[in-house]
C-alpha atoms as a PDB file:
ATOM      1  CA  UNK A   1     100.001 119.309 107.601  1.00  0.00           C
ATOM      2  CA  UNK A   2     101.140 115.484 109.132  1.00  0.00           C
ATOM      3  CA  UNK A   3     103.420 112.618 108.164  1.00  0.00           C
ATOM      4  CA  UNK A   4     103.239 111.835 104.480  1.00  0.00           C
ATOM      5  CA  UNK A   5     101.375 115.248 103.254  1.00  0.00           C
ATOM      6  CA  UNK A   6      97.925 114.100 104.445  1.00  0.00           C
ATOM      7  CA  UNK A   7      95.661 116.815 106.712  1.00  0.00           C
ATOM      8  CA  UNK A   8      95.792 116.760 110.145  1.00  0.00           C
ATOM      9  CA  UNK A   9      92.114 114.360 111.143  1.00  0.00           C
ATOM     10  CA  UNK A  10      92.408 113.366 107.443  1.00  0.00           C
ATOM     11  CA  UNK A  11      91.130 109.000 108.122  1.00  0.00           C
ATOM     12  CA  UNK A  12      94.619 107.754 106.986  1.00  0.00           C
ATOM     13  CA  UNK A  13      96.192 109.371 109.726  1.00  0.00           C
ATOM     14  CA  UNK A  14      93.441 108.788 112.767  1.00  0.00           C
ATOM     15  CA  UNK A  15      95.050 106.373 114.510  1.00  0.00           C
ATOM     16  CA  UNK A  16      93.820 107.456 118.020  1.00  0.00           C
ATOM     17  CA  UNK A  17      91.600 104.966 117.795  1.00  0.00           C
ATOM     18  CA  UNK A  18      94.045 102.410 117.647  1.00  0.00           C
ATOM     19  CA  UNK A  19      94.831 103.863 121.479  1.00  0.00           C
ATOM     20  CA  UNK A  20      91.179 103.795 122.376  1.00  0.00           C
ATOM     21  CA  UNK A  21      90.332  99.888 121.074  1.00  0.00           C
ATOM     22  CA  UNK A  22      93.867  98.740 120.451  1.00  0.00           C
ATOM     23  CA  UNK A  23      95.832  97.180 123.384  1.00  0.00           C
ATOM     24  CA  UNK A  24      94.086  95.567 125.753  1.00  0.00           C
ATOM     25  CA  UNK A  25      90.687  95.931 124.242  1.00  0.00           C
ATOM     26  CA  UNK A  26      88.519  94.795 121.721  1.00  0.00           C
ATOM     27  CA  UNK A  27      89.612  95.532 118.508  1.00  0.00           C
ATOM     28  CA  UNK A  28      86.193  95.768 117.539  1.00  0.00           C
ATOM     29  CA  UNK A  29      86.452  98.134 114.272  1.00  0.00           C
ATOM     30  CA  UNK A  30      89.488  96.295 112.518  1.00  0.00           C
ATOM     31  CA  UNK A  31      87.714  92.864 113.250  1.00  0.00           C
ATOM     32  CA  UNK A  32      84.990  93.886 111.830  1.00  0.00           C
ATOM     33  CA  UNK A  33      86.222  95.661 108.839  1.00  0.00           C
ATOM     34  CA  UNK A  34      88.444  92.996 108.004  1.00  0.00           C
ATOM     35  CA  UNK A  35      85.394  90.456 107.771  1.00  0.00           C
ATOM     36  CA  UNK A  36      83.147  92.639 105.841  1.00  0.00           C
ATOM     37  CA  UNK A  37      86.069  93.535 103.406  1.00  0.00           C
ATOM     38  CA  UNK A  38      85.856  90.120 102.092  1.00  0.00           C
ATOM     39  CA  UNK A  39      81.904  90.031 101.989  1.00  0.00           C
ATOM     40  CA  UNK A  40      78.582  91.850 103.141  1.00  0.00           C
ATOM     41  CA  UNK A  41      76.952  90.041 106.437  1.00  0.00           C
ATOM     42  CA  UNK A  42      74.683  90.801 108.988  1.00  0.00           C
ATOM     43  CA  UNK A  43      75.791  91.531 112.187  1.00  0.00           C
ATOM     44  CA  UNK A  44      74.795  88.478 113.650  1.00  0.00           C
ATOM     45  CA  UNK A  45      77.465  86.701 111.019  1.00  0.00           C
ATOM     46  CA  UNK A  46      79.642  89.036 111.811  1.00  0.00           C
ATOM     47  CA  UNK A  47      79.574  87.895 115.758  1.00  0.00           C
ATOM     48  CA  UNK A  48      79.572  84.694 115.036  1.00  0.00           C
ATOM     49  CA  UNK A  49      82.955  85.179 112.747  1.00  0.00           C
ATOM     50  CA  UNK A  50      84.868  87.733 115.320  1.00  0.00           C
ATOM     51  CA  UNK A  51      86.863  84.418 116.451  1.00  0.00           C
ATOM     52  CA  UNK A  52      87.976  84.182 112.780  1.00  0.00           C
ATOM     53  CA  UNK A  53      90.459  87.561 113.819  1.00  0.00           C
ATOM     54  CA  UNK A  54      93.390  86.822 115.689  1.00  0.00           C
ATOM     55  CA  UNK A  55      93.653  89.667 117.600  1.00  0.00           C
ATOM     56  CA  UNK A  56      94.344  90.444 121.677  1.00  0.00           C
ATOM     57  CA  UNK A  57      91.664  90.607 124.026  1.00  0.00           C
ATOM     58  CA  UNK A  58      88.155  89.392 124.663  1.00  0.00           C
ATOM     59  CA  UNK A  59      85.934  89.654 121.964  1.00  0.00           C
ATOM     60  CA  UNK A  60      83.297  92.264 121.475  1.00  0.00           C
ATOM     61  CA  UNK A  61      79.596  91.543 122.979  1.00  0.00           C
ATOM     62  CA  UNK A  62      76.931  91.638 120.772  1.00  0.00           C
ATOM     63  CA  UNK A  63      75.834  94.509 122.517  1.00  0.00           C
ATOM     64  CA  UNK A  64      79.355  96.813 121.473  1.00  0.00           C
ATOM     65  CA  UNK A  65      79.134  95.114 118.021  1.00  0.00           C
ATOM     66  CA  UNK A  66      76.148  96.716 117.252  1.00  0.00           C
ATOM     67  CA  UNK A  67      76.925 100.015 119.295  1.00  0.00           C
ATOM     68  CA  UNK A  68      80.165  99.977 117.134  1.00  0.00           C
ATOM     69  CA  UNK A  69      77.909  99.291 113.599  1.00  0.00           C
ATOM     70  CA  UNK A  70      76.239 101.730 113.957  1.00  0.00           C
ATOM     71  CA  UNK A  71      79.268 104.114 114.884  1.00  0.00           C
ATOM     72  CA  UNK A  72      81.024 102.574 111.751  1.00  0.00           C
ATOM     73  CA  UNK A  73      78.060 103.810 109.348  1.00  0.00           C
ATOM     74  CA  UNK A  74      77.699 107.136 111.057  1.00  0.00           C
ATOM     75  CA  UNK A  75      81.192 107.901 109.822  1.00  0.00           C
ATOM     76  CA  UNK A  76      81.324 106.849 106.395  1.00  0.00           C
ATOM     77  CA  UNK A  77      83.130 103.314 107.651  1.00  0.00           C
ATOM     78  CA  UNK A  78      80.221 101.228 106.280  1.00  0.00           C
ATOM     79  CA  UNK A  79      76.467 101.286 104.472  1.00  0.00           C
ATOM     80  CA  UNK A  80      74.037  99.352 105.193  1.00  0.00           C
ATOM     81  CA  UNK A  81      70.839  97.879 103.738  1.00  0.00           C
ATOM     82  CA  UNK A  82      67.993  95.937 104.530  1.00  0.00           C
ATOM     83  CA  UNK A  83      67.618  92.797 102.895  1.00  0.00           C
ATOM     84  CA  UNK A  84      64.909  89.844 103.072  1.00  0.00           C
ATOM     85  CA  UNK A  85      66.101  86.594 105.270  1.00  0.00           C
ATOM     86  CA  UNK A  86      65.164  83.078 103.639  1.00  0.00           C
ATOM     87  CA  UNK A  87      64.127  82.666 107.122  1.00  0.00           C
ATOM     88  CA  UNK A  88      63.165  84.862 110.016  1.00  0.00           C
ATOM     89  CA  UNK A  89      63.053  88.565 109.715  1.00  0.00           C
ATOM     90  CA  UNK A  90      65.010  91.291 107.631  1.00  0.00           C
ATOM     91  CA  UNK A  91      68.280  91.643 107.952  1.00  0.00           C
ATOM     92  CA  UNK A  92      70.789  94.904 108.131  1.00  0.00           C
ATOM     93  CA  UNK A  93      73.329  93.758 105.586  1.00  0.00           C
ATOM     94  CA  UNK A  94      76.604  95.642 106.433  1.00  0.00           C
ATOM     95  CA  UNK A  95      79.159  96.921 103.477  1.00  0.00           C
ATOM     96  CA  UNK A  96      82.756  98.007 103.834  1.00  0.00           C
ATOM     97  CA  UNK A  97      83.216 101.629 101.657  1.00  0.00           C
ATOM     98  CA  UNK A  98      86.091 102.800 100.105  1.00  0.00           C
ATOM     99  CA  UNK A  99      86.871 104.816 103.756  1.00  0.00           C
ATOM    100  CA  UNK A 100      86.099 102.006 105.490  1.00  0.00           C
ATOM    101  CA  UNK A 101      88.806 100.187 103.522  1.00  0.00           C
ATOM    102  CA  UNK A 102      91.295 103.143 103.955  1.00  0.00           C
ATOM    103  CA  UNK A 103      90.995 103.055 107.573  1.00  0.00           C
ATOM    104  CA  UNK A 104      91.541  99.166 107.542  1.00  0.00           C
ATOM    105  CA  UNK A 105      94.614 100.087 105.898  1.00  0.00           C
ATOM    106  CA  UNK A 106      95.667 102.747 108.771  1.00  0.00           C
ATOM    107  CA  UNK A 107      94.603  99.591 110.956  1.00  0.00           C
ATOM    108  CA  UNK A 108      97.072  97.537 109.686  1.00  0.00           C
ATOM    109  CA  UNK A 109      99.693 100.392 109.479  1.00  0.00           C
ATOM    110  CA  UNK A 110      99.402 101.006 112.840  1.00  0.00           C
ATOM    111  CA  UNK A 111      99.496  97.659 114.427  1.00  0.00           C
ATOM    112  CA  UNK A 112     102.389  97.143 111.968  1.00  0.00           C
ATOM    113  CA  UNK A 113     104.207 100.033 113.688  1.00  0.00           C
ATOM    114  CA  UNK A 114     103.256  98.274 117.282  1.00  0.00           C
ATOM    115  CA  UNK A 115     105.142  94.947 116.354  1.00  0.00           C
ATOM    116  CA  UNK A 116     108.006  96.855 115.115  1.00  0.00           C
ATOM    117  CA  UNK A 117     108.177  98.566 118.572  1.00  0.00           C
ATOM    118  CA  UNK A 118     107.364  95.788 120.363  1.00  0.00           C
ATOM    119  CA  UNK A 119     110.385  93.379 118.341  1.00  0.00           C
ATOM    120  CA  UNK A 120     113.002  96.215 118.668  1.00  0.00           C
ATOM    121  CA  UNK A 121     112.274  95.795 122.375  1.00  0.00           C
ATOM    122  CA  UNK A 122     112.450  92.480 122.755  1.00  0.00           C
ATOM    123  CA  UNK A 123     115.802  92.429 120.760  1.00  0.00           C
ATOM    124  CA  UNK A 124     117.088  94.908 123.595  1.00  0.00           C
ATOM    125  CA  UNK A 125     116.274  92.953 125.880  1.00  0.00           C
ATOM    126  CA  UNK A 126     118.082  89.571 124.616  1.00  0.00           C
ATOM    127  CA  UNK A 127     121.220  91.992 123.601  1.00  0.00           C
ATOM    128  CA  UNK A 128     122.270  90.164 127.133  1.00  0.00           C
ATOM    129  CA  UNK A 129     123.698  93.916 127.743  1.00  0.00           C
ATOM    130  CA  UNK A 130     122.863  94.856 131.517  1.00  0.00           C
ATOM    131  CA  UNK A 131     123.406  98.874 132.682  1.00  0.00           C
ATOM    132  CA  UNK A 132     123.820  99.932 135.978  1.00  0.00           C
END
């Protein structure tokens, strides 16, 4: 059992994703989950809206977004369905699942923890205490 009585490997404890996609990476998964939290969307719309999510790192390229969506669907974080477009071809529309909402909470908790750790570091640096 992990912290809070959760089993190891439980989605609510999977912060390993933070280390794979977090600092210095593109934060693809949390960006997509955040955007899908408000409304379902197709891939192109998600790519267009990526810059709305204020996370560090470069914006992901188109291929990376579609690979992430495919992986997230396999993991049950999002679901999809084909929809007719007003103009143009049919589009695959993605929707966040309850499991995806829980994963977004995990991301928020992991990032909050990192911010607290960095804030503590900054406080130590500004304390003026030098050790020698």
